[in-house]
Amino acid sequence: MTTRWTAVRVLRDRTAGRCLTAVMVSGFGTSALWLASGVWVKDLSMNQPTASPSTAYP
């Protein structure tokens, strides 16, 4: 079970903090690119059903 002190200890570690930040930024970027690709396909095809598979996660 994770306690508050465990989280604080992990966040104090500089390497762990950087890794956690990088994972969060990467996840945000991935989500933004998936959304942008779906909008782009819909814009190119002018068709919602065609754009739907581009936003489905594999």
Protein backbone atom coordinates (compact mmCIF):
# COMPACT_ATOMS: atom_id res chain seq x y z
CA MET A 1 0.00 0.00 0.00
CA THR A 2 1.39 3.38 -1.00
CA THR A 3 1.59 5.91 1.75
CA ARG A 4 2.12 9.62 1.56
CA TRP A 5 5.71 9.31 2.73
CA THR A 6 6.58 6.86 0.00
CA ALA A 7 5.33 9.29 -2.63
CA VAL A 8 7.28 12.16 -1.07
CA ARG A 9 10.44 10.06 -0.96
CA VAL A 10 10.07 9.13 -4.64
CA LEU A 11 9.44 12.74 -5.67
CA ARG A 12 12.52 13.89 -3.73
CA ASP A 13 14.68 11.60 -5.85
CA ARG A 14 15.78 13.76 -8.79
CA THR A 15 16.05 10.88 -11.26
CA ALA A 16 12.64 9.47 -10.34
CA GLY A 17 11.08 12.93 -10.61
CA ARG A 18 12.55 13.46 -14.06
CA CYS A 19 11.41 10.04 -15.21
CA LEU A 20 7.88 10.62 -13.91
CA THR A 21 7.76 14.04 -15.57
CA ALA A 22 8.98 12.59 -18.87
CA VAL A 23 6.36 9.85 -18.77
CA MET A 24 3.60 12.38 -18.11
CA VAL A 25 4.75 14.70 -20.91
CA SER A 26 5.10 11.77 -23.28
CA GLY A 27 1.60 10.56 -22.48
CA PHE A 28 0.16 14.02 -23.06
CA GLY A 29 2.00 14.28 -26.38
CA THR A 30 0.81 10.87 -27.50
CA SER A 31 -2.80 11.74 -26.71
CA ALA A 32 -2.51 15.04 -28.55
CA LEU A 33 -1.06 13.36 -31.64
CA TRP A 34 -3.81 10.70 -31.70
CA LEU A 35 -6.43 13.43 -31.53
CA ALA A 36 -4.72 15.49 -34.22
CA SER A 37 -4.44 12.48 -36.53
CA GLY A 38 -8.15 11.77 -36.18
CA VAL A 39 -9.04 15.38 -36.98
CA TRP A 40 -6.63 15.35 -39.92
CA VAL A 41 -8.12 12.16 -41.40
CA LYS A 42 -11.63 13.52 -40.93
CA ASP A 43 -10.61 16.76 -42.62
CA LEU A 44 -9.08 14.88 -45.56
CA SER A 45 -11.91 12.40 -46.00
CA MET A 46 -14.85 14.59 -44.92
CA ASN A 47 -16.26 11.41 -43.42
CA GLN A 48 -16.62 10.51 -39.74
CA PRO A 49 -16.61 6.67 -40.16
CA THR A 50 -13.31 6.87 -42.04
CA ALA A 51 -11.70 8.90 -39.26
CA SER A 52 -12.86 6.60 -36.44
CA PRO A 53 -10.29 3.79 -37.00
CA SER A 54 -7.43 6.30 -36.95
CA THR A 55 -8.22 7.21 -33.34
CA ALA A 56 -8.68 3.65 -32.07
CA TYR A 57 -5.79 2.44 -29.97
CA PRO A 58 -4.14 -0.74 -31.25
